[in-house]
Amino acid sequence: HCVQILDWIDTNCHRERIGKARLDAIAAATEMDGKSLSTPPRPPLTPDEAQELSFADTSRTLLVGHSRGGKIAVLASIDPRIKSLFLIDPVDNTRYAPKSERFPSALEALKANSNSVPIAVIGAGRGG
């Protein structure tokens, strides 16, 4: 959902900056078999809301994640807008969520990721 949030900010606050091609790509990515993957529709942003979010520079995003959120941050880091990661006691696959198509490995994703980003990790010892 990290990438969807960035897309939402871009489509609602930075339409003029990102251009029609990117807006079309976002629209195509959020449709799958006719079902939207985005959040439920909401009313358009008020001018105050748009101004509050206009400071968000989605081209230089730092993702922070704790535990399973750290794994999600790593998996989302393939998006070129993600510029760095801060992971707090991240986990990967466990016996409760073994590696599979539904539960990909964050470590394998890091190794294969062409969008190499700086990463800070806190508390990544072996559990016990």
C-alpha atoms as a PDB file:
ATOM      1  CA  HIS A   1       0.000   0.000   0.000  1.00  0.00           C
ATOM      2  CA  CYS A   2       3.008   2.332   0.327  1.00  0.00           C
ATOM      3  CA  VAL A   3       3.160   2.842  -3.430  1.00  0.00           C
ATOM      4  CA  GLN A   4      -0.612   3.372  -3.599  1.00  0.00           C
ATOM      5  CA  ILE A   5      -0.329   6.135  -0.998  1.00  0.00           C
ATOM      6  CA  LEU A   6       2.381   7.860  -3.045  1.00  0.00           C
ATOM      7  CA  ASP A   7       0.211   7.506  -6.152  1.00  0.00           C
ATOM      8  CA  TRP A   8      -2.766   8.972  -4.275  1.00  0.00           C
ATOM      9  CA  ILE A   9      -0.722  11.997  -3.186  1.00  0.00           C
ATOM     10  CA  ASP A  10       0.536  12.489  -6.741  1.00  0.00           C
ATOM     11  CA  THR A  11      -2.896  12.231  -8.344  1.00  0.00           C
ATOM     12  CA  ASN A  12      -4.593  14.483  -5.790  1.00  0.00           C
ATOM     13  CA  CYS A  13      -1.928  17.077  -5.106  1.00  0.00           C
ATOM     14  CA  HIS A  14       0.661  17.074  -7.881  1.00  0.00           C
ATOM     15  CA  ARG A  15      -1.356  16.517 -11.057  1.00  0.00           C
ATOM     16  CA  GLU A  16       0.307  19.381 -12.911  1.00  0.00           C
ATOM     17  CA  ARG A  17       3.810  18.293 -11.853  1.00  0.00           C
ATOM     18  CA  ILE A  18       3.649  14.610 -12.740  1.00  0.00           C
ATOM     19  CA  GLY A  19       1.932  14.937 -16.131  1.00  0.00           C
ATOM     20  CA  LYS A  20      -0.694  12.959 -18.013  1.00  0.00           C
ATOM     21  CA  ALA A  21       1.511   9.944 -18.843  1.00  0.00           C
ATOM     22  CA  ARG A  22       2.202   9.242 -15.152  1.00  0.00           C
ATOM     23  CA  LEU A  23      -1.459   9.812 -14.240  1.00  0.00           C
ATOM     24  CA  ASP A  24      -2.483   7.307 -16.923  1.00  0.00           C
ATOM     25  CA  ALA A  25       0.092   4.784 -15.622  1.00  0.00           C
ATOM     26  CA  ILE A  26      -1.226   5.182 -12.080  1.00  0.00           C
ATOM     27  CA  ALA A  27      -4.814   4.698 -13.266  1.00  0.00           C
ATOM     28  CA  ALA A  28      -3.817   1.542 -15.166  1.00  0.00           C
ATOM     29  CA  ALA A  29      -1.906   0.139 -12.181  1.00  0.00           C
ATOM     30  CA  THR A  30      -4.867   0.579  -9.852  1.00  0.00           C
ATOM     31  CA  GLU A  31      -7.161  -1.473 -12.041  1.00  0.00           C
ATOM     32  CA  MET A  32      -6.989  -5.260 -12.034  1.00  0.00           C
ATOM     33  CA  ASP A  33      -9.655  -7.375 -13.691  1.00  0.00           C
ATOM     34  CA  GLY A  34     -12.012  -4.432 -13.461  1.00  0.00           C
ATOM     35  CA  LYS A  35     -11.570  -4.137  -9.694  1.00  0.00           C
ATOM     36  CA  SER A  36      -9.936  -1.095  -8.205  1.00  0.00           C
ATOM     37  CA  LEU A  37      -7.018  -1.744  -5.869  1.00  0.00           C
ATOM     38  CA  SER A  38      -7.137   1.790  -4.524  1.00  0.00           C
ATOM     39  CA  THR A  39      -8.934   3.013  -1.453  1.00  0.00           C
ATOM     40  CA  PRO A  40     -12.667   3.692  -1.679  1.00  0.00           C
ATOM     41  CA  PRO A  41     -13.554   6.930  -3.473  1.00  0.00           C
ATOM     42  CA  ARG A  42     -13.627  10.036  -1.356  1.00  0.00           C
ATOM     43  CA  PRO A  43     -14.750  13.565  -2.107  1.00  0.00           C
ATOM     44  CA  PRO A  44     -12.197  15.766  -3.890  1.00  0.00           C
ATOM     45  CA  LEU A  45      -9.683  17.472  -1.654  1.00  0.00           C
ATOM     46  CA  THR A  46     -10.612  20.885  -0.366  1.00  0.00           C
ATOM     47  CA  PRO A  47      -8.197  23.701  -1.275  1.00  0.00           C
ATOM     48  CA  ASP A  48      -6.879  23.633   2.311  1.00  0.00           C
ATOM     49  CA  GLU A  49      -6.244  19.861   2.174  1.00  0.00           C
ATOM     50  CA  ALA A  50      -4.484  20.147  -1.179  1.00  0.00           C
ATOM     51  CA  GLN A  51      -2.255  22.919   0.159  1.00  0.00           C
ATOM     52  CA  GLU A  52      -1.410  20.905   3.282  1.00  0.00           C
ATOM     53  CA  LEU A  53      -0.321  17.931   1.153  1.00  0.00           C
ATOM     54  CA  SER A  54       1.407  19.972  -1.547  1.00  0.00           C
ATOM     55  CA  PHE A  55       4.659  19.993   0.469  1.00  0.00           C
ATOM     56  CA  ALA A  56       4.974  16.214   0.084  1.00  0.00           C
ATOM     57  CA  ASP A  57       7.759  15.491  -2.393  1.00  0.00           C
ATOM     58  CA  THR A  58       6.956  11.932  -3.421  1.00  0.00           C
ATOM     59  CA  SER A  59      10.097  11.797  -5.577  1.00  0.00           C
ATOM     60  CA  ARG A  60      12.245  11.661  -2.390  1.00  0.00           C
ATOM     61  CA  THR A  61      10.421   9.327  -0.029  1.00  0.00           C
ATOM     62  CA  LEU A  62      11.838   7.748   3.134  1.00  0.00           C
ATOM     63  CA  LEU A  63       9.900   4.689   4.293  1.00  0.00           C
ATOM     64  CA  VAL A  64       9.924   3.682   7.953  1.00  0.00           C
ATOM     65  CA  GLY A  65       8.633   0.312   9.095  1.00  0.00           C
ATOM     66  CA  HIS A  66       8.546  -1.693  12.307  1.00  0.00           C
ATOM     67  CA  SER A  67       8.431  -5.495  12.331  1.00  0.00           C
ATOM     68  CA  ARG A  68       6.284  -6.670   9.393  1.00  0.00           C
ATOM     69  CA  GLY A  69       6.062  -3.005   8.332  1.00  0.00           C
ATOM     70  CA  GLY A  70       9.821  -3.142   7.773  1.00  0.00           C
ATOM     71  CA  LYS A  71       9.312  -6.013   5.374  1.00  0.00           C
ATOM     72  CA  ILE A  72       6.579  -4.094   3.556  1.00  0.00           C
ATOM     73  CA  ALA A  73       8.870  -1.064   3.279  1.00  0.00           C
ATOM     74  CA  VAL A  74      11.603  -3.211   1.721  1.00  0.00           C
ATOM     75  CA  LEU A  75       9.163  -4.762  -0.768  1.00  0.00           C
ATOM     76  CA  ALA A  76       7.877  -1.289  -1.711  1.00  0.00           C
ATOM     77  CA  SER A  77      11.402   0.046  -2.256  1.00  0.00           C
ATOM     78  CA  ILE A  78      11.400  -1.141  -5.875  1.00  0.00           C
ATOM     79  CA  ASP A  79       9.518   2.081  -6.638  1.00  0.00           C
ATOM     80  CA  PRO A  80      12.098   4.662  -7.805  1.00  0.00           C
ATOM     81  CA  ARG A  81      10.455   7.345  -5.642  1.00  0.00           C
ATOM     82  CA  ILE A  82      11.703   5.499  -2.531  1.00  0.00           C
ATOM     83  CA  LYS A  83      15.113   6.966  -1.698  1.00  0.00           C
ATOM     84  CA  SER A  84      15.868   5.391   1.700  1.00  0.00           C
ATOM     85  CA  LEU A  85      14.606   2.939   4.322  1.00  0.00           C
ATOM     86  CA  PHE A  86      14.593   3.013   8.124  1.00  0.00           C
ATOM     87  CA  LEU A  87      13.722  -0.424   9.504  1.00  0.00           C
ATOM     88  CA  ILE A  88      13.004  -1.086  13.172  1.00  0.00           C
ATOM     89  CA  ASP A  89      13.382  -4.744  14.174  1.00  0.00           C
ATOM     90  CA  PRO A  90      12.224  -5.953  10.737  1.00  0.00           C
ATOM     91  CA  VAL A  91      11.078  -9.511  10.104  1.00  0.00           C
ATOM     92  CA  ASP A  92      11.021 -11.557   6.938  1.00  0.00           C
ATOM     93  CA  ASN A  93       9.444 -14.951   6.455  1.00  0.00           C
ATOM     94  CA  THR A  94       8.502 -16.983   9.498  1.00  0.00           C
ATOM     95  CA  ARG A  95       6.897 -20.325  10.154  1.00  0.00           C
ATOM     96  CA  TYR A  96       3.590 -18.436  10.333  1.00  0.00           C
ATOM     97  CA  ALA A  97       4.191 -16.752   6.974  1.00  0.00           C
ATOM     98  CA  PRO A  98       6.570 -19.052   5.077  1.00  0.00           C
ATOM     99  CA  LYS A  99       8.084 -17.874   1.819  1.00  0.00           C
ATOM    100  CA  SER A 100       5.618 -18.258  -1.035  1.00  0.00           C
ATOM    101  CA  GLU A 101       4.103 -16.196  -3.840  1.00  0.00           C
ATOM    102  CA  ARG A 102       1.790 -14.660  -1.267  1.00  0.00           C
ATOM    103  CA  PHE A 103       4.626 -14.019   1.213  1.00  0.00           C
ATOM    104  CA  PRO A 104       7.740 -12.987  -0.759  1.00  0.00           C
ATOM    105  CA  SER A 105      11.100 -12.675   0.947  1.00  0.00           C
ATOM    106  CA  ALA A 106      12.235  -9.134   1.735  1.00  0.00           C
ATOM    107  CA  LEU A 107      15.888 -10.262   1.778  1.00  0.00           C
ATOM    108  CA  GLU A 108      15.586 -11.712  -1.707  1.00  0.00           C
ATOM    109  CA  ALA A 109      13.833  -8.537  -2.856  1.00  0.00           C
ATOM    110  CA  LEU A 110      16.739  -6.452  -1.504  1.00  0.00           C
ATOM    111  CA  LYS A 111      19.263  -8.559  -3.387  1.00  0.00           C
ATOM    112  CA  ALA A 112      17.299  -8.300  -6.649  1.00  0.00           C
ATOM    113  CA  ASN A 113      16.339  -4.632  -6.283  1.00  0.00           C
ATOM    114  CA  SER A 114      17.906  -2.397  -8.915  1.00  0.00           C
ATOM    115  CA  ASN A 115      16.761   0.674  -6.928  1.00  0.00           C
ATOM    116  CA  SER A 116      19.580   0.381  -4.386  1.00  0.00           C
ATOM    117  CA  VAL A 117      18.765   2.673  -1.474  1.00  0.00           C
ATOM    118  CA  PRO A 118      20.468   3.542   1.822  1.00  0.00           C
ATOM    119  CA  ILE A 119      19.071   1.478   4.687  1.00  0.00           C
ATOM    120  CA  ALA A 120      19.261   1.986   8.449  1.00  0.00           C
ATOM    121  CA  VAL A 121      18.317  -1.024  10.581  1.00  0.00           C
ATOM    122  CA  ILE A 122      17.754  -1.013  14.340  1.00  0.00           C
ATOM    123  CA  GLY A 123      17.281  -4.158  16.435  1.00  0.00           C
ATOM    124  CA  ALA A 124      17.777  -6.804  13.797  1.00  0.00           C
ATOM    125  CA  GLY A 125      19.096  -9.514  16.088  1.00  0.00           C
ATOM    126  CA  ARG A 126      17.839 -13.041  16.239  1.00  0.00           C
ATOM    127  CA  GLY A 127      14.610 -13.365  18.148  1.00  0.00           C
ATOM    128  CA  GLY A 128      14.219 -15.309  21.277  1.00  0.00           C
END
